[in-house]
Structures are given as C-alpha cells and as structure tokens.
C-alpha cells in the first residue's frame, strides 16, 4: 500500500510537473514557445525567398521585353514582310508556326509511342538501355544536334537549308521530353484501372487505348506542349538547318528552301546597327513570349478538360 501510494504520488507529481512545464511556455521537447515561432517564420521566409529567386529573372525578362516592344508596337508587324530597314514579321511568324506544327506532329508521334513502349513493354536490360539513351539524348546541347544535322542532312543528303532538316533536328531535341512525360504519366495510372479492364475481358491493346491512355492524357499533353514551347525558343540548331532568312513565305517544299523563324530575328536584330531592326527584334521577342504563354495556357485548358478521366481523390 505504501508503495502504491508512493507510486500514485510520483505519478501525480510527474503529471503536475509536466503540466506545469507546458503551462510555463515549454513545448513537449522542453523548448520555449518562441523557438517554434521563430522556426516557423524562418521556414516561411526561406520559401518566399526561393519563390522570389525563381520569379525575379522571369519578371525581369518579361519587363525588359514589354518595356521595349510595347511603346513602338504596331499591328502591321503581323502582316508586313521584313525589309532591310525593319518592316514586319509575317514570314517569321508563319515559319515559326510551321515549325511548331511539324514538330508537334513528328515529335509527338515518336515521343508518345516511345513513352508507351517504355512504360508498358520495355523491361529488364533493354528498358534500362533505352531509358539511358533517351536521357543522354536529352542532355546533348542543342547546338551539337544542329551541327550534326547540318553535316548529315544539309550537306551529306544535299537537302540544303530546309524545313525537313529543321523538323528532324528539333524533333530529336524534344522527343526525350515527350517520351519521359508519357512514360511517367502511364506509370502513374492506378493498377486498378488495368485490372478492371482485364476483368471486363478487354484485350491489352484496347485496355491501353481506351482506359490507360485516357487516364494519362493530362500528363502526356502537358509534356507535349512543354516540349513545343522549348522548340519555339531554339535558335542554334535552326541556324544550321533552317537557314537564316528568306523573303519568301512558307512553301510546300520540304527540302531546298530555307525557313524564316522568329528567334533569328531576335538574335540578328539585336546585333544590328539599324534602329528598325532593333525594334523588330523587340517585336519578335514579344510575339515569342505570347506564343509560349498561349502554349502554356492551352496545356492547362487541355489538362482541365481531360482531368475527368483521372481518378478523383
């Protein structure tokens, strides 16, 4: 009884001390209450600083483009041809849209099919080898791809500066991104989707096209459009494959005819001594920014529209 009483006293005393300690401003680890508040504020401060470090360069670039392009902007730049003194960006806009459409089709088909194969069929050493090769290709500098395309397509095959050479090089640049996003999106689809399709007696191909691909469509679309946005801003590989400038608009010829594009006008006009060419480079930069923003907005809209096929939490 004495031992029990002592134990009871000890328990009450311990509980009283613990309660008193917490009530005196100490947390469960014996630290003062202000310690947690300071840590919380430091954590939020670090997060805000990281966001500002990311946003500051973007805001600086956007502000620099808008501040230079908007004061001299004229809507005729969208419909007039480029001249030595300035003019417009009609050929460059059409050429850029032609390149984007071609890369979207060529790289989209190859990249999506590659991602499907890596996610659904490739396994073991072969799958590891193909994934490693894709990662290596994604790490090759774009100017190296452009130079290889110049030697192999423009010179060796006598295609000259042309749309076909530019599309192949840009597609080789963007296919790894599309393949990776497709593989990741397909692997993120719950296994229960495939099991349900098997239980309903669907063939593997029908299950892939009607169930799995629909669920993975938001991720696939996002990767595809991000890859297109990357290709829009490329200059170095196009200098080796598409050429520099042509006074003619886009044609149906895949080889032998150069293609105009907006990034060349940005690079060339900025280094020009003519004020009209400099203003044209600002306009080209603004059009490129708007085009990339439209691609990003389009990706979000498509993701929102296709989200109904994904599993809701």
Protein backbone atom coordinates (compact mmCIF):
# COMPACT_ATOMS: atom_id res chain seq x y z
CA UNK A 1 0.00 0.00 0.00
CA UNK A 2 2.87 2.30 0.80
CA UNK A 3 4.47 1.52 -2.50
CA UNK A 4 1.25 2.13 -4.31
CA UNK A 5 0.82 5.39 -2.51
CA UNK A 6 4.29 6.46 -3.38
CA UNK A 7 3.71 5.48 -6.99
CA UNK A 8 0.49 7.42 -7.03
CA UNK A 9 2.19 10.43 -5.52
CA UNK A 10 5.00 10.13 -8.04
CA UNK A 11 2.57 9.87 -10.94
CA UNK A 12 0.62 12.85 -9.74
CA UNK A 13 3.78 14.79 -9.13
CA UNK A 14 5.17 13.89 -12.57
CA UNK A 15 1.92 14.83 -14.24
CA UNK A 16 1.79 18.03 -12.29
CA UNK A 17 5.35 18.91 -13.21
CA UNK A 18 4.73 18.13 -16.88
CA UNK A 19 1.57 20.20 -16.92
CA UNK A 20 3.30 23.00 -15.12
CA UNK A 21 6.23 22.85 -17.59
CA UNK A 22 3.94 23.11 -20.61
CA UNK A 23 1.89 25.84 -18.99
CA UNK A 24 5.06 27.79 -18.35
CA UNK A 25 5.66 28.12 -22.12
CA UNK A 26 7.66 24.95 -22.88
CA UNK A 27 6.77 22.56 -25.70
CA UNK A 28 6.91 18.75 -25.48
CA UNK A 29 10.67 18.82 -26.06
CA UNK A 30 11.31 21.31 -23.29
CA UNK A 31 11.95 24.23 -25.63
CA UNK A 32 10.43 27.68 -25.16
CA UNK A 33 7.34 28.54 -27.20
CA UNK A 34 9.11 31.28 -29.12
CA UNK A 35 11.53 28.69 -30.55
CA UNK A 36 8.77 27.15 -32.66
CA UNK A 37 7.51 30.54 -33.81
CA UNK A 38 10.96 31.61 -34.92
CA UNK A 39 11.46 28.34 -36.80
CA UNK A 40 8.09 28.76 -38.49
CA UNK A 41 8.90 32.30 -39.63
CA UNK A 42 12.34 31.24 -40.85
CA UNK A 43 10.78 28.42 -42.87
CA UNK A 44 8.21 30.71 -44.50
CA UNK A 45 10.90 33.31 -45.15
CA UNK A 46 13.05 30.72 -46.92
CA UNK A 47 10.10 29.61 -49.08
CA UNK A 48 9.27 33.19 -50.06
CA UNK A 49 12.93 33.92 -50.84
CA UNK A 50 13.11 30.82 -53.07
CA UNK A 51 9.98 31.89 -54.95
CA UNK A 52 11.40 35.38 -55.44
CA UNK A 53 14.69 33.96 -56.71
CA UNK A 54 12.77 31.95 -59.30
CA UNK A 55 10.33 34.71 -60.23
CA UNK A 56 12.82 37.60 -60.37
CA UNK A 57 14.59 36.52 -63.60
CA UNK A 58 11.26 35.76 -65.29
CA UNK A 59 9.78 39.10 -64.28
CA UNK A 60 12.96 40.90 -65.33
CA UNK A 61 12.92 39.29 -68.80
CA UNK A 62 9.21 39.93 -69.31
CA UNK A 63 9.51 43.52 -68.16
CA UNK A 64 12.51 44.14 -70.40
CA UNK A 65 10.65 42.77 -73.44
CA UNK A 66 7.38 44.56 -72.75
CA UNK A 67 9.06 47.87 -71.91
CA UNK A 68 10.96 47.87 -75.21
CA UNK A 69 8.35 46.36 -77.53
CA UNK A 70 5.06 47.95 -76.45
CA UNK A 71 5.99 51.66 -76.98
CA UNK A 72 6.88 51.04 -80.64
CA UNK A 73 4.42 48.21 -81.33
CA UNK A 74 2.34 48.38 -84.50
CA UNK A 75 -0.18 45.74 -85.53
CA UNK A 76 1.11 45.92 -89.09
CA UNK A 77 4.17 43.97 -87.91
CA UNK A 78 1.98 40.86 -88.08
CA UNK A 79 1.10 41.31 -91.75
CA UNK A 80 4.09 43.03 -93.36
CA UNK A 81 7.23 41.38 -94.70
CA UNK A 82 10.69 42.01 -93.32
CA UNK A 83 12.85 44.60 -95.04
CA UNK A 84 16.38 45.89 -94.54
CA UNK A 85 15.04 48.90 -92.64
CA UNK A 86 12.58 46.92 -90.50
CA UNK A 87 9.16 46.08 -91.85
CA UNK A 88 7.20 43.26 -90.25
CA UNK A 89 7.43 39.65 -89.14
CA UNK A 90 4.95 37.98 -91.48
CA UNK A 91 7.34 35.33 -92.87
CA UNK A 92 8.92 34.67 -89.48
CA UNK A 93 5.59 34.14 -87.74
CA UNK A 94 4.35 31.77 -90.43
CA UNK A 95 7.66 29.92 -90.47
CA UNK A 96 7.64 29.53 -86.69
CA UNK A 97 4.07 28.25 -86.71
CA UNK A 98 5.01 25.81 -89.47
CA UNK A 99 7.93 24.53 -87.41
CA UNK A 100 5.78 24.20 -84.29
CA UNK A 101 3.10 22.29 -86.17
CA UNK A 102 5.65 19.97 -87.78
CA UNK A 103 7.48 19.28 -84.52
CA UNK A 104 4.15 18.74 -82.76
CA UNK A 105 3.22 16.02 -85.24
CA UNK A 106 6.62 14.37 -85.77
CA UNK A 107 8.00 14.57 -82.23
CA UNK A 108 4.55 13.99 -80.74
CA UNK A 109 4.01 10.70 -82.56
CA UNK A 110 7.53 9.39 -81.98
CA UNK A 111 7.71 10.61 -78.37
CA UNK A 112 4.30 9.26 -77.31
CA UNK A 113 4.90 5.87 -78.93
CA UNK A 114 8.34 5.70 -77.32
CA UNK A 115 6.88 6.53 -73.92
CA UNK A 116 4.16 3.89 -74.34
CA UNK A 117 6.75 1.26 -75.21
CA UNK A 118 8.97 2.19 -72.26
CA UNK A 119 6.07 2.17 -69.81
CA UNK A 120 4.15 -0.89 -70.99
CA UNK A 121 6.52 -3.22 -72.80
CA UNK A 122 10.21 -2.42 -72.17
CA UNK A 123 11.67 -4.24 -69.18
CA UNK A 124 14.97 -5.53 -67.94
CA UNK A 125 18.24 -4.60 -69.58
CA UNK A 126 16.60 -3.40 -72.79
CA UNK A 127 14.35 -0.96 -70.95
CA UNK A 128 17.28 0.40 -68.93
CA UNK A 129 19.35 0.79 -72.09
CA UNK A 130 16.60 2.68 -73.91
CA UNK A 131 15.91 4.96 -70.95
CA UNK A 132 19.62 5.71 -70.60
CA UNK A 133 19.88 6.51 -74.31
CA UNK A 134 16.89 8.86 -74.05
CA UNK A 135 18.44 10.67 -71.08
CA UNK A 136 21.73 11.03 -72.94
CA UNK A 137 19.93 12.47 -75.96
CA UNK A 138 18.11 14.93 -73.72
CA UNK A 139 21.46 16.10 -72.34
CA UNK A 140 23.11 16.76 -75.70
CA UNK A 141 23.45 20.53 -76.32
CA UNK A 142 21.11 21.81 -78.99
CA UNK A 143 23.93 23.38 -80.99
CA UNK A 144 25.62 19.95 -81.22
CA UNK A 145 22.41 18.43 -82.58
CA UNK A 146 22.19 21.29 -85.03
CA UNK A 147 25.75 20.77 -86.25
CA UNK A 148 25.19 17.01 -86.66
CA UNK A 149 22.00 17.78 -88.58
CA UNK A 150 23.92 20.21 -90.77
CA UNK A 151 26.57 17.63 -91.67
CA UNK A 152 24.15 14.72 -92.14
CA UNK A 153 21.09 16.39 -93.68
CA UNK A 154 22.10 19.72 -95.18
CA UNK A 155 25.48 18.63 -96.58
CA UNK A 156 25.54 14.84 -96.93
CA UNK A 157 21.97 14.39 -98.18
CA UNK A 158 22.03 17.68 -100.11
CA UNK A 159 18.79 18.88 -98.51
CA UNK A 160 20.31 22.34 -98.06
CA UNK A 161 18.73 24.66 -95.51
CA UNK A 162 15.20 23.35 -95.38
CA UNK A 163 12.07 22.64 -93.38
CA UNK A 164 12.70 18.87 -93.25
CA UNK A 165 16.19 19.26 -91.78
CA UNK A 166 14.92 21.70 -89.14
CA UNK A 167 11.98 19.46 -88.19
CA UNK A 168 14.16 16.38 -87.75
CA UNK A 169 16.68 18.18 -85.54
CA UNK A 170 14.03 19.92 -83.42
CA UNK A 171 12.13 16.64 -83.08
CA UNK A 172 15.30 14.87 -81.93
CA UNK A 173 15.68 17.64 -79.36
CA UNK A 174 12.14 17.33 -77.96
CA UNK A 175 11.36 13.61 -78.29
CA UNK A 176 13.10 12.66 -74.99
CA UNK A 177 10.92 15.13 -73.04
CA UNK A 178 7.72 13.80 -74.58
CA UNK A 179 8.77 10.18 -74.11
CA UNK A 180 9.65 10.77 -70.45
CA UNK A 181 6.42 12.60 -69.67
CA UNK A 182 4.40 9.89 -71.44
CA UNK A 183 6.15 7.10 -69.54
CA UNK A 184 5.70 8.91 -66.22
CA UNK A 185 2.02 9.61 -66.88
CA UNK A 186 1.30 6.00 -67.84
CA UNK A 187 3.11 4.62 -64.80
CA UNK A 188 1.06 6.95 -62.58
CA UNK A 189 -2.23 5.37 -63.72
CA UNK A 190 -3.59 3.20 -60.87
CA UNK A 191 -3.17 -0.54 -61.35
CA UNK A 192 -6.87 -0.98 -60.59
CA UNK A 193 -7.66 0.59 -63.99
CA UNK A 194 -5.79 -2.17 -65.80
CA UNK A 195 -7.18 -4.86 -63.52
CA UNK A 196 -10.71 -3.63 -64.14
CA UNK A 197 -10.15 -3.68 -67.90
CA UNK A 198 -8.79 -7.24 -67.66
CA UNK A 199 -11.79 -8.27 -65.60
CA UNK A 200 -14.11 -6.93 -68.30
CA UNK A 201 -12.32 -9.05 -70.88
CA UNK A 202 -10.64 -6.20 -72.77
CA UNK A 203 -7.61 -7.01 -74.87
CA UNK A 204 -4.31 -5.40 -73.76
CA UNK A 205 -4.34 -3.05 -76.74
CA UNK A 206 -7.94 -1.96 -76.18
CA UNK A 207 -7.26 -1.52 -72.47
CA UNK A 208 -4.26 0.68 -73.28
CA UNK A 209 -6.03 2.90 -75.80
CA UNK A 210 -9.43 3.18 -74.12
CA UNK A 211 -8.55 3.17 -70.41
CA UNK A 212 -4.90 3.77 -69.60
CA UNK A 213 -4.18 6.41 -72.25
CA UNK A 214 -7.27 8.41 -71.32
CA UNK A 215 -6.25 8.50 -67.68
CA UNK A 216 -2.70 9.53 -68.60
CA UNK A 217 -3.75 12.12 -71.17
CA UNK A 218 -3.26 15.21 -68.92
CA UNK A 219 0.37 14.32 -68.22
CA UNK A 220 1.06 13.37 -71.83
CA UNK A 221 -0.46 16.61 -73.13
CA UNK A 222 1.48 18.73 -70.66
CA UNK A 223 4.80 17.15 -71.65
CA UNK A 224 3.98 17.52 -75.34
CA UNK A 225 3.14 21.22 -75.10
CA UNK A 226 6.12 21.98 -72.85
CA UNK A 227 8.36 20.33 -75.45
CA UNK A 228 6.77 22.53 -78.13
CA UNK A 229 7.46 25.60 -76.00
CA UNK A 230 11.11 24.52 -75.75
CA UNK A 231 11.36 24.11 -79.52
CA UNK A 232 9.86 27.57 -80.11
CA UNK A 233 12.74 29.25 -78.31
CA UNK A 234 15.58 27.39 -80.05
CA UNK A 235 17.98 29.29 -82.30
CA UNK A 236 21.29 27.41 -82.56
CA UNK A 237 20.00 24.20 -84.23
CA UNK A 238 17.90 26.24 -86.67
CA UNK A 239 20.89 28.30 -87.77
CA UNK A 240 22.47 25.06 -89.01
CA UNK A 241 19.36 23.50 -90.56
CA UNK A 242 16.66 26.07 -91.40
CA UNK A 243 18.99 28.82 -92.58
CA UNK A 244 18.89 32.45 -91.59
CA UNK A 245 16.38 34.44 -93.61
CA UNK A 246 14.22 34.16 -96.69
CA UNK A 247 11.99 36.78 -98.25
CA UNK A 248 9.53 34.08 -99.31
CA UNK A 249 6.78 32.74 -97.12
CA UNK A 250 6.41 29.07 -96.14
CA UNK A 251 6.11 26.68 -99.06
CA UNK A 252 5.19 23.02 -99.50
CA UNK A 253 8.81 22.12 -100.32
CA UNK A 254 10.42 20.10 -97.56
CA UNK A 255 13.96 20.44 -98.90
CA UNK A 256 15.99 23.05 -100.72
CA UNK A 257 14.12 26.08 -99.37
CA UNK A 258 15.18 27.98 -96.19
CA UNK A 259 12.64 28.78 -93.48
CA UNK A 260 12.32 32.06 -91.60
CA UNK A 261 11.72 31.96 -87.84
CA UNK A 262 11.30 34.45 -85.03
CA UNK A 263 14.33 33.55 -82.92
CA UNK A 264 16.68 34.50 -85.76
CA UNK A 265 15.13 37.97 -85.90
CA UNK A 266 15.67 38.34 -82.16
CA UNK A 267 19.32 37.34 -82.44
CA UNK A 268 20.08 39.19 -85.67
CA UNK A 269 18.08 42.36 -84.96
CA UNK A 270 19.62 42.84 -81.53
CA UNK A 271 23.09 42.95 -83.08
CA UNK A 272 22.03 45.22 -85.94
CA UNK A 273 23.07 48.85 -86.17
CA UNK A 274 19.70 49.83 -87.70
CA UNK A 275 17.08 51.07 -85.26
CA UNK A 276 14.31 49.48 -87.30
CA UNK A 277 15.93 46.05 -86.99
CA UNK A 278 16.35 46.50 -83.23
CA UNK A 279 12.68 47.41 -82.85
CA UNK A 280 11.81 44.36 -84.94
CA UNK A 281 13.83 42.16 -82.57
CA UNK A 282 11.80 43.53 -79.64
CA UNK A 283 8.57 42.79 -81.51
CA UNK A 284 9.77 39.27 -82.31
CA UNK A 285 10.59 38.70 -78.65
CA UNK A 286 7.12 39.84 -77.63
CA UNK A 287 5.46 37.56 -80.18
CA UNK A 288 7.55 34.62 -78.92
CA UNK A 289 6.55 35.31 -75.33
CA UNK A 290 2.87 35.47 -76.30
CA UNK A 291 3.21 32.24 -78.29
CA UNK A 292 4.81 30.41 -75.35
CA UNK A 293 2.15 31.75 -72.98
CA UNK A 294 -0.57 30.53 -75.34
CA UNK A 295 1.02 27.07 -75.37
CA UNK A 296 1.14 27.01 -71.57
CA UNK A 297 -2.45 28.24 -71.24
CA UNK A 298 -3.53 25.70 -73.84
CA UNK A 299 -1.87 22.92 -71.87
CA UNK A 300 -3.71 23.92 -68.70
CA UNK A 301 -7.04 24.06 -70.53
CA UNK A 302 -6.49 20.65 -72.09
CA UNK A 303 -5.45 19.20 -68.75
CA UNK A 304 -8.58 20.61 -67.11
CA UNK A 305 -10.75 19.21 -69.90
CA UNK A 306 -9.18 15.75 -69.79
CA UNK A 307 -8.97 15.60 -65.97
CA UNK A 308 -12.38 13.93 -65.85
CA UNK A 309 -10.74 10.68 -66.95
CA UNK A 310 -8.41 10.64 -63.95
CA UNK A 311 -9.10 9.30 -60.52
CA UNK A 312 -10.59 11.83 -58.10
CA UNK A 313 -9.21 11.92 -54.59
